[in-house]
């Protein structure tokens, strides 16, 4: 495994790795969580220590769509329909683990709300996860203490999200992969206050990209080049309370003055 940390590149060997890896993420204190296909039955996830040696293997469920860890030692896994309808772990649609691989929480929708079929977009911050899921695409907020909140949103099938305070920017939706929806969060709804088009710093529309990675106020995107990542960031609204402007900026990390957002 190759790790780039602040421009310093190093290799990390993961020993005794018997998974065909699909997903991995970094845990606090230099550890890693890895998920993939296994010949060992249901144990399809492994926790690795800083020395690259496995600490624990466990069953994470099948059909994992997202695997993301936060800085408070939580691991979040989200699933698609094949697992939701066939695997008792995946059936919740969204699950939280501790950084040792112990199951802590699984989503149960409130009465009258449809369960998760497939999670389309996931954002993970410190102790909180946000998800949009099929079939009704509500905005689900989950806190590490188990508290949940559902909000209505007009954005159908977003591809990624960045969240900061009472603001959320949702990318994609429907057949418009380059559409940005900047929303203000209320108690029960995400209100679209402005929309924009996603572009590269030179103004070129960015309609084709790898799956976005949402971490708190940042949404990381990779276009045609596997070596070039961009980051879209939701900033504080400047002097606005009821109608914050879309202050998301996206730029290569080496050229922070360029904007990727074009209204």
C-alpha atoms as a PDB file:
ATOM      1  CA  UNK A   1       0.000   0.000   0.000  1.00  0.00           C
ATOM      2  CA  UNK A   2       1.294   3.480  -0.960  1.00  0.00           C
ATOM      3  CA  UNK A   3       0.563   6.360   1.440  1.00  0.00           C
ATOM      4  CA  UNK A   4       0.915  10.050   0.627  1.00  0.00           C
ATOM      5  CA  UNK A   5       0.850  12.105   3.823  1.00  0.00           C
ATOM      6  CA  UNK A   6       1.403  15.823   3.298  1.00  0.00           C
ATOM      7  CA  UNK A   7       3.565  15.145   0.252  1.00  0.00           C
ATOM      8  CA  UNK A   8       5.676  12.484   1.998  1.00  0.00           C
ATOM      9  CA  UNK A   9       5.204   9.187   0.147  1.00  0.00           C
ATOM     10  CA  UNK A  10       5.895   5.839   1.779  1.00  0.00           C
ATOM     11  CA  UNK A  11       4.982   2.201   1.378  1.00  0.00           C
ATOM     12  CA  UNK A  12       3.190   0.148   4.009  1.00  0.00           C
ATOM     13  CA  UNK A  13       3.112  -3.635   3.730  1.00  0.00           C
ATOM     14  CA  UNK A  14      -0.052  -5.272   5.067  1.00  0.00           C
ATOM     15  CA  UNK A  15       0.921  -8.755   6.193  1.00  0.00           C
ATOM     16  CA  UNK A  16      -1.307 -11.834   6.169  1.00  0.00           C
ATOM     17  CA  UNK A  17      -3.819 -10.079   3.940  1.00  0.00           C
ATOM     18  CA  UNK A  18      -6.151 -12.823   2.755  1.00  0.00           C
ATOM     19  CA  UNK A  19      -8.897 -10.554   1.403  1.00  0.00           C
ATOM     20  CA  UNK A  20      -9.440  -9.528  -2.206  1.00  0.00           C
ATOM     21  CA  UNK A  21      -9.678  -5.881  -1.218  1.00  0.00           C
ATOM     22  CA  UNK A  22     -12.619  -3.683  -2.240  1.00  0.00           C
ATOM     23  CA  UNK A  23     -12.493  -0.938   0.375  1.00  0.00           C
ATOM     24  CA  UNK A  24     -10.015   0.431   2.889  1.00  0.00           C
ATOM     25  CA  UNK A  25      -9.606   3.499   5.079  1.00  0.00           C
ATOM     26  CA  UNK A  26      -7.205   4.923   7.617  1.00  0.00           C
ATOM     27  CA  UNK A  27      -7.988   4.736  11.320  1.00  0.00           C
ATOM     28  CA  UNK A  28      -6.595   7.017  14.025  1.00  0.00           C
ATOM     29  CA  UNK A  29      -3.093   6.295  15.296  1.00  0.00           C
ATOM     30  CA  UNK A  30      -1.805   4.912  12.011  1.00  0.00           C
ATOM     31  CA  UNK A  31      -4.061   1.852  11.789  1.00  0.00           C
ATOM     32  CA  UNK A  32      -6.191   0.677   8.845  1.00  0.00           C
ATOM     33  CA  UNK A  33      -9.461  -1.101   8.189  1.00  0.00           C
ATOM     34  CA  UNK A  34      -9.752  -3.255   5.066  1.00  0.00           C
ATOM     35  CA  UNK A  35     -12.809  -4.937   3.542  1.00  0.00           C
ATOM     36  CA  UNK A  36     -13.119  -7.323   0.622  1.00  0.00           C
ATOM     37  CA  UNK A  37     -14.021 -10.789  -0.610  1.00  0.00           C
ATOM     38  CA  UNK A  38     -12.931 -13.604   1.645  1.00  0.00           C
ATOM     39  CA  UNK A  39     -12.395 -17.326   1.391  1.00  0.00           C
ATOM     40  CA  UNK A  40     -12.704 -17.457   5.192  1.00  0.00           C
ATOM     41  CA  UNK A  41     -16.480 -17.451   5.260  1.00  0.00           C
ATOM     42  CA  UNK A  42     -18.157 -14.331   6.613  1.00  0.00           C
ATOM     43  CA  UNK A  43     -15.029 -12.647   8.001  1.00  0.00           C
ATOM     44  CA  UNK A  44     -14.551 -10.100   5.234  1.00  0.00           C
ATOM     45  CA  UNK A  45     -12.893  -7.234   7.130  1.00  0.00           C
ATOM     46  CA  UNK A  46      -9.558  -6.828   8.896  1.00  0.00           C
ATOM     47  CA  UNK A  47      -8.069  -4.267  11.276  1.00  0.00           C
ATOM     48  CA  UNK A  48      -4.335  -3.606  10.843  1.00  0.00           C
ATOM     49  CA  UNK A  49      -1.924  -2.064  13.323  1.00  0.00           C
ATOM     50  CA  UNK A  50       0.782   0.492  12.649  1.00  0.00           C
ATOM     51  CA  UNK A  51       3.266  -2.329  12.002  1.00  0.00           C
ATOM     52  CA  UNK A  52       1.148  -3.666   9.127  1.00  0.00           C
ATOM     53  CA  UNK A  53       0.119  -6.797  11.007  1.00  0.00           C
ATOM     54  CA  UNK A  54      -3.531  -7.856  11.392  1.00  0.00           C
ATOM     55  CA  UNK A  55      -5.120  -7.252  14.777  1.00  0.00           C
ATOM     56  CA  UNK A  56      -8.577  -8.648  14.170  1.00  0.00           C
ATOM     57  CA  UNK A  57     -10.811 -10.027  11.446  1.00  0.00           C
ATOM     58  CA  UNK A  58     -14.595  -9.796  11.553  1.00  0.00           C
ATOM     59  CA  UNK A  59     -17.761 -10.032   9.447  1.00  0.00           C
ATOM     60  CA  UNK A  60     -18.812  -6.654   8.040  1.00  0.00           C
ATOM     61  CA  UNK A  61     -21.654  -7.955   5.900  1.00  0.00           C
ATOM     62  CA  UNK A  62     -21.940  -8.246   2.141  1.00  0.00           C
ATOM     63  CA  UNK A  63     -22.472  -5.698  -0.633  1.00  0.00           C
ATOM     64  CA  UNK A  64     -20.524  -2.882   1.045  1.00  0.00           C
ATOM     65  CA  UNK A  65     -21.038   0.325  -0.951  1.00  0.00           C
ATOM     66  CA  UNK A  66     -19.027   2.626   1.353  1.00  0.00           C
ATOM     67  CA  UNK A  67     -16.462   2.119   4.098  1.00  0.00           C
ATOM     68  CA  UNK A  68     -15.307   5.243   5.944  1.00  0.00           C
ATOM     69  CA  UNK A  69     -13.667   5.941   9.300  1.00  0.00           C
ATOM     70  CA  UNK A  70     -13.656   9.152  11.332  1.00  0.00           C
ATOM     71  CA  UNK A  71     -11.149  10.669  13.748  1.00  0.00           C
ATOM     72  CA  UNK A  72     -13.181   9.607  16.777  1.00  0.00           C
ATOM     73  CA  UNK A  73     -12.503   5.908  16.235  1.00  0.00           C
ATOM     74  CA  UNK A  74     -15.776   5.117  14.472  1.00  0.00           C
ATOM     75  CA  UNK A  75     -16.068   3.057  11.288  1.00  0.00           C
ATOM     76  CA  UNK A  76     -19.154   3.501   9.096  1.00  0.00           C
ATOM     77  CA  UNK A  77     -20.248   0.968   6.481  1.00  0.00           C
ATOM     78  CA  UNK A  78     -23.089   1.508   4.004  1.00  0.00           C
ATOM     79  CA  UNK A  79     -24.626  -1.112   1.742  1.00  0.00           C
ATOM     80  CA  UNK A  80     -26.474  -1.705  -1.519  1.00  0.00           C
ATOM     81  CA  UNK A  81     -29.517  -3.833  -2.180  1.00  0.00           C
ATOM     82  CA  UNK A  82     -27.885  -7.228  -2.736  1.00  0.00           C
ATOM     83  CA  UNK A  83     -26.639  -7.224   0.848  1.00  0.00           C
ATOM     84  CA  UNK A  84     -29.599  -5.413   2.399  1.00  0.00           C
ATOM     85  CA  UNK A  85     -31.989  -8.162   1.297  1.00  0.00           C
ATOM     86  CA  UNK A  86     -29.754 -11.162   1.984  1.00  0.00           C
ATOM     87  CA  UNK A  87     -27.328 -10.452   4.844  1.00  0.00           C
ATOM     88  CA  UNK A  88     -28.416  -9.805   8.463  1.00  0.00           C
ATOM     89  CA  UNK A  89     -25.527  -7.366   9.045  1.00  0.00           C
ATOM     90  CA  UNK A  90     -26.099  -5.460   5.804  1.00  0.00           C
ATOM     91  CA  UNK A  91     -29.876  -5.378   6.327  1.00  0.00           C
ATOM     92  CA  UNK A  92     -29.658  -2.115   8.304  1.00  0.00           C
ATOM     93  CA  UNK A  93     -28.228  -0.333   5.251  1.00  0.00           C
ATOM     94  CA  UNK A  94     -25.940   1.814   7.429  1.00  0.00           C
ATOM     95  CA  UNK A  95     -23.859   0.412  10.312  1.00  0.00           C
ATOM     96  CA  UNK A  96     -21.380   1.885  12.795  1.00  0.00           C
ATOM     97  CA  UNK A  97     -18.464  -0.045  14.290  1.00  0.00           C
ATOM     98  CA  UNK A  98     -15.764   0.890  16.744  1.00  0.00           C
ATOM     99  CA  UNK A  99     -12.163   0.939  15.525  1.00  0.00           C
ATOM    100  CA  UNK A 100     -11.677  -2.582  16.850  1.00  0.00           C
ATOM    101  CA  UNK A 101     -14.368  -3.973  14.563  1.00  0.00           C
ATOM    102  CA  UNK A 102     -17.113  -4.285  17.175  1.00  0.00           C
ATOM    103  CA  UNK A 103     -20.668  -3.637  15.996  1.00  0.00           C
ATOM    104  CA  UNK A 104     -22.125  -0.582  17.750  1.00  0.00           C
ATOM    105  CA  UNK A 105     -25.216   0.525  15.840  1.00  0.00           C
ATOM    106  CA  UNK A 106     -27.417  -0.214  12.825  1.00  0.00           C
ATOM    107  CA  UNK A 107     -30.050   2.008  11.249  1.00  0.00           C
ATOM    108  CA  UNK A 108     -33.725   1.386  11.891  1.00  0.00           C
ATOM    109  CA  UNK A 109     -36.037   3.819  10.099  1.00  0.00           C
ATOM    110  CA  UNK A 110     -38.825   5.534  12.031  1.00  0.00           C
ATOM    111  CA  UNK A 111     -42.328   4.151  11.643  1.00  0.00           C
ATOM    112  CA  UNK A 112     -43.760   5.035   8.253  1.00  0.00           C
ATOM    113  CA  UNK A 113     -40.353   5.655   6.649  1.00  0.00           C
ATOM    114  CA  UNK A 114     -38.971   3.254   4.065  1.00  0.00           C
ATOM    115  CA  UNK A 115     -35.842   1.331   4.956  1.00  0.00           C
ATOM    116  CA  UNK A 116     -32.537   1.709   3.142  1.00  0.00           C
ATOM    117  CA  UNK A 117     -32.363  -0.167  -0.139  1.00  0.00           C
ATOM    118  CA  UNK A 118     -29.073   1.324  -1.406  1.00  0.00           C
ATOM    119  CA  UNK A 119     -26.990   4.201  -0.044  1.00  0.00           C
ATOM    120  CA  UNK A 120     -26.211   6.540  -2.962  1.00  0.00           C
ATOM    121  CA  UNK A 121     -24.114   9.150  -1.140  1.00  0.00           C
ATOM    122  CA  UNK A 122     -22.307   9.129   2.209  1.00  0.00           C
ATOM    123  CA  UNK A 123     -20.453  11.847   4.105  1.00  0.00           C
ATOM    124  CA  UNK A 124     -18.597  11.118   7.339  1.00  0.00           C
ATOM    125  CA  UNK A 125     -17.405  13.761   9.803  1.00  0.00           C
ATOM    126  CA  UNK A 126     -16.161  13.463  13.366  1.00  0.00           C
ATOM    127  CA  UNK A 127     -18.836  11.460  15.140  1.00  0.00           C
ATOM    128  CA  UNK A 128     -21.521  12.027  12.494  1.00  0.00           C
ATOM    129  CA  UNK A 129     -22.568  10.465   9.197  1.00  0.00           C
ATOM    130  CA  UNK A 130     -24.871  11.808   6.485  1.00  0.00           C
ATOM    131  CA  UNK A 131     -26.520   9.547   3.922  1.00  0.00           C
ATOM    132  CA  UNK A 132     -28.920   9.788   1.007  1.00  0.00           C
ATOM    133  CA  UNK A 133     -30.557   6.514   0.107  1.00  0.00           C
ATOM    134  CA  UNK A 134     -32.885   4.832  -2.371  1.00  0.00           C
ATOM    135  CA  UNK A 135     -35.837   4.674  -2.821  1.00  0.00           C
ATOM    136  CA  UNK A 136     -37.082   7.981  -1.361  1.00  0.00           C
ATOM    137  CA  UNK A 137     -33.705   9.803  -0.980  1.00  0.00           C
ATOM    138  CA  UNK A 138     -34.180  11.533   2.362  1.00  0.00           C
ATOM    139  CA  UNK A 139     -31.176  13.192   3.995  1.00  0.00           C
ATOM    140  CA  UNK A 140     -30.263  11.033   6.984  1.00  0.00           C
ATOM    141  CA  UNK A 141     -28.122  12.487   9.786  1.00  0.00           C
ATOM    142  CA  UNK A 142     -26.719  10.020  12.324  1.00  0.00           C
ATOM    143  CA  UNK A 143     -24.779  10.999  15.450  1.00  0.00           C
ATOM    144  CA  UNK A 144     -22.350   8.679  17.237  1.00  0.00           C
ATOM    145  CA  UNK A 145     -24.692   8.571  20.251  1.00  0.00           C
ATOM    146  CA  UNK A 146     -27.360   6.959  18.066  1.00  0.00           C
ATOM    147  CA  UNK A 147     -29.479  10.077  17.523  1.00  0.00           C
ATOM    148  CA  UNK A 148     -30.895  10.296  14.012  1.00  0.00           C
ATOM    149  CA  UNK A 149     -32.722  12.940  12.006  1.00  0.00           C
ATOM    150  CA  UNK A 150     -34.384  12.698   8.612  1.00  0.00           C
ATOM    151  CA  UNK A 151     -34.846  15.700   6.343  1.00  0.00           C
ATOM    152  CA  UNK A 152     -36.697  16.020   3.074  1.00  0.00           C
ATOM    153  CA  UNK A 153     -34.672  17.149   0.091  1.00  0.00           C
ATOM    154  CA  UNK A 154     -35.580  17.799  -3.552  1.00  0.00           C
ATOM    155  CA  UNK A 155     -32.270  16.322  -4.762  1.00  0.00           C
ATOM    156  CA  UNK A 156     -32.811  12.826  -6.134  1.00  0.00           C
ATOM    157  CA  UNK A 157     -29.885  10.373  -6.206  1.00  0.00           C
ATOM    158  CA  UNK A 158     -26.980  12.713  -5.365  1.00  0.00           C
ATOM    159  CA  UNK A 159     -23.472  11.393  -5.985  1.00  0.00           C
ATOM    160  CA  UNK A 160     -21.715  13.188  -3.151  1.00  0.00           C
ATOM    161  CA  UNK A 161     -22.179  15.646  -0.283  1.00  0.00           C
ATOM    162  CA  UNK A 162     -20.182  18.181   1.723  1.00  0.00           C
ATOM    163  CA  UNK A 163     -21.641  19.381   5.037  1.00  0.00           C
ATOM    164  CA  UNK A 164     -20.719  22.275   7.315  1.00  0.00           C
ATOM    165  CA  UNK A 165     -22.925  23.607  10.089  1.00  0.00           C
ATOM    166  CA  UNK A 166     -26.333  24.316   8.621  1.00  0.00           C
ATOM    167  CA  UNK A 167     -25.088  24.153   5.044  1.00  0.00           C
ATOM    168  CA  UNK A 168     -24.841  21.209   2.700  1.00  0.00           C
ATOM    169  CA  UNK A 169     -23.746  21.054  -0.927  1.00  0.00           C
ATOM    170  CA  UNK A 170     -25.025  18.055  -2.862  1.00  0.00           C
ATOM    171  CA  UNK A 171     -23.426  16.999  -6.135  1.00  0.00           C
ATOM    172  CA  UNK A 172     -25.316  15.431  -8.999  1.00  0.00           C
ATOM    173  CA  UNK A 173     -28.861  14.198  -8.862  1.00  0.00           C
ATOM    174  CA  UNK A 174     -30.975  12.806 -11.657  1.00  0.00           C
ATOM    175  CA  UNK A 175     -29.142  12.975 -14.976  1.00  0.00           C
ATOM    176  CA  UNK A 176     -27.031  16.022 -14.118  1.00  0.00           C
ATOM    177  CA  UNK A 177     -23.722  14.806 -12.669  1.00  0.00           C
ATOM    178  CA  UNK A 178     -22.204  18.316 -12.729  1.00  0.00           C
ATOM    179  CA  UNK A 179     -25.049  20.074 -10.917  1.00  0.00           C
ATOM    180  CA  UNK A 180     -24.275  21.509  -7.476  1.00  0.00           C
ATOM    181  CA  UNK A 181     -27.174  22.100  -5.091  1.00  0.00           C
ATOM    182  CA  UNK A 182     -26.287  24.402  -2.202  1.00  0.00           C
ATOM    183  CA  UNK A 183     -28.820  23.934   0.605  1.00  0.00           C
ATOM    184  CA  UNK A 184     -29.655  25.370   3.994  1.00  0.00           C
ATOM    185  CA  UNK A 185     -30.647  22.836   6.651  1.00  0.00           C
ATOM    186  CA  UNK A 186     -33.730  23.365   8.788  1.00  0.00           C
ATOM    187  CA  UNK A 187     -35.204  21.007  11.359  1.00  0.00           C
ATOM    188  CA  UNK A 188     -36.898  18.799   8.764  1.00  0.00           C
ATOM    189  CA  UNK A 189     -35.851  19.869   5.261  1.00  0.00           C
ATOM    190  CA  UNK A 190     -32.805  20.741   3.153  1.00  0.00           C
ATOM    191  CA  UNK A 191     -33.792  23.900   1.265  1.00  0.00           C
ATOM    192  CA  UNK A 192     -32.038  24.559  -2.039  1.00  0.00           C
ATOM    193  CA  UNK A 193     -30.926  28.200  -1.998  1.00  0.00           C
ATOM    194  CA  UNK A 194     -28.722  28.241  -5.079  1.00  0.00           C
ATOM    195  CA  UNK A 195     -27.438  25.938  -7.808  1.00  0.00           C
ATOM    196  CA  UNK A 196     -24.266  25.912  -9.881  1.00  0.00           C
ATOM    197  CA  UNK A 197     -22.270  23.838 -12.359  1.00  0.00           C
ATOM    198  CA  UNK A 198     -19.133  21.918 -11.468  1.00  0.00           C
ATOM    199  CA  UNK A 199     -16.095  22.978 -13.497  1.00  0.00           C
ATOM    200  CA  UNK A 200     -12.345  22.572 -13.434  1.00  0.00           C
ATOM    201  CA  UNK A 201     -10.215  25.600 -12.515  1.00  0.00           C
ATOM    202  CA  UNK A 202      -9.872  26.451 -16.237  1.00  0.00           C
ATOM    203  CA  UNK A 203     -13.651  26.569 -16.659  1.00  0.00           C
ATOM    204  CA  UNK A 204     -14.009  23.152 -18.321  1.00  0.00           C
ATOM    205  CA  UNK A 205     -17.167  21.342 -17.169  1.00  0.00           C
ATOM    206  CA  UNK A 206     -16.470  18.288 -15.008  1.00  0.00           C
ATOM    207  CA  UNK A 207     -19.195  15.743 -15.738  1.00  0.00           C
ATOM    208  CA  UNK A 208     -17.226  12.508 -15.496  1.00  0.00           C
ATOM    209  CA  UNK A 209     -15.410  11.679 -12.304  1.00  0.00           C
ATOM    210  CA  UNK A 210     -14.670   8.800  -9.964  1.00  0.00           C
ATOM    211  CA  UNK A 211     -16.926   8.285  -6.954  1.00  0.00           C
ATOM    212  CA  UNK A 212     -16.649  11.395  -4.740  1.00  0.00           C
ATOM    213  CA  UNK A 213     -15.419  11.047  -1.160  1.00  0.00           C
ATOM    214  CA  UNK A 214     -17.299  13.214   1.344  1.00  0.00           C
ATOM    215  CA  UNK A 215     -15.562  14.093   4.613  1.00  0.00           C
ATOM    216  CA  UNK A 216     -17.305  16.800   6.616  1.00  0.00           C
ATOM    217  CA  UNK A 217     -17.085  20.125   4.788  1.00  0.00           C
ATOM    218  CA  UNK A 218     -14.914  18.637   2.016  1.00  0.00           C
ATOM    219  CA  UNK A 219     -15.864  16.655  -1.077  1.00  0.00           C
ATOM    220  CA  UNK A 220     -12.901  15.062  -2.850  1.00  0.00           C
ATOM    221  CA  UNK A 221     -13.115  14.447  -6.597  1.00  0.00           C
ATOM    222  CA  UNK A 222     -10.902  12.760  -9.155  1.00  0.00           C
ATOM    223  CA  UNK A 223     -11.410  13.435 -12.842  1.00  0.00           C
ATOM    224  CA  UNK A 224      -9.691  11.853 -15.841  1.00  0.00           C
ATOM    225  CA  UNK A 225      -6.237  11.675 -14.249  1.00  0.00           C
ATOM    226  CA  UNK A 226      -5.746   9.093 -11.474  1.00  0.00           C
ATOM    227  CA  UNK A 227      -2.968  11.319 -10.075  1.00  0.00           C
ATOM    228  CA  UNK A 228      -4.979  14.536  -9.732  1.00  0.00           C
ATOM    229  CA  UNK A 229      -7.512  15.089  -6.972  1.00  0.00           C
ATOM    230  CA  UNK A 230      -9.655  18.153  -6.433  1.00  0.00           C
ATOM    231  CA  UNK A 231     -11.398  19.241  -3.266  1.00  0.00           C
ATOM    232  CA  UNK A 232     -14.686  21.109  -3.021  1.00  0.00           C
ATOM    233  CA  UNK A 233     -15.066  22.857   0.341  1.00  0.00           C
ATOM    234  CA  UNK A 234     -18.143  24.383   1.942  1.00  0.00           C
ATOM    235  CA  UNK A 235     -17.053  27.595   3.679  1.00  0.00           C
ATOM    236  CA  UNK A 236     -18.850  29.714   6.254  1.00  0.00           C
ATOM    237  CA  UNK A 237     -21.503  31.986   4.816  1.00  0.00           C
ATOM    238  CA  UNK A 238     -20.188  35.532   4.800  1.00  0.00           C
ATOM    239  CA  UNK A 239     -22.701  37.859   6.409  1.00  0.00           C
ATOM    240  CA  UNK A 240     -25.691  35.771   5.366  1.00  0.00           C
ATOM    241  CA  UNK A 241     -28.117  33.895   7.552  1.00  0.00           C
ATOM    242  CA  UNK A 242     -31.282  33.194   5.573  1.00  0.00           C
ATOM    243  CA  UNK A 243     -29.709  32.918   2.128  1.00  0.00           C
ATOM    244  CA  UNK A 244     -26.075  31.810   2.278  1.00  0.00           C
ATOM    245  CA  UNK A 245     -24.364  31.931  -1.089  1.00  0.00           C
ATOM    246  CA  UNK A 246     -22.697  28.822  -2.531  1.00  0.00           C
ATOM    247  CA  UNK A 247     -19.196  29.356  -1.246  1.00  0.00           C
ATOM    248  CA  UNK A 248     -17.916  25.917  -2.230  1.00  0.00           C
ATOM    249  CA  UNK A 249     -14.482  26.152  -3.828  1.00  0.00           C
ATOM    250  CA  UNK A 250     -12.647  23.387  -5.616  1.00  0.00           C
ATOM    251  CA  UNK A 251      -8.990  23.425  -6.558  1.00  0.00           C
ATOM    252  CA  UNK A 252      -5.972  21.187  -6.967  1.00  0.00           C
ATOM    253  CA  UNK A 253      -4.163  21.146  -3.636  1.00  0.00           C
ATOM    254  CA  UNK A 254      -1.093  22.702  -5.267  1.00  0.00           C
ATOM    255  CA  UNK A 255      -3.008  25.735  -6.607  1.00  0.00           C
ATOM    256  CA  UNK A 256      -5.459  26.839  -3.926  1.00  0.00           C
ATOM    257  CA  UNK A 257      -6.338  30.104  -5.629  1.00  0.00           C
ATOM    258  CA  UNK A 258      -8.292  28.456  -8.467  1.00  0.00           C
ATOM    259  CA  UNK A 259     -12.035  27.931  -8.167  1.00  0.00           C
ATOM    260  CA  UNK A 260     -13.726  24.889  -9.590  1.00  0.00           C
ATOM    261  CA  UNK A 261     -17.251  26.191  -9.051  1.00  0.00           C
ATOM    262  CA  UNK A 262     -18.889  28.217 -11.803  1.00  0.00           C
ATOM    263  CA  UNK A 263     -22.356  29.557 -11.207  1.00  0.00           C
END
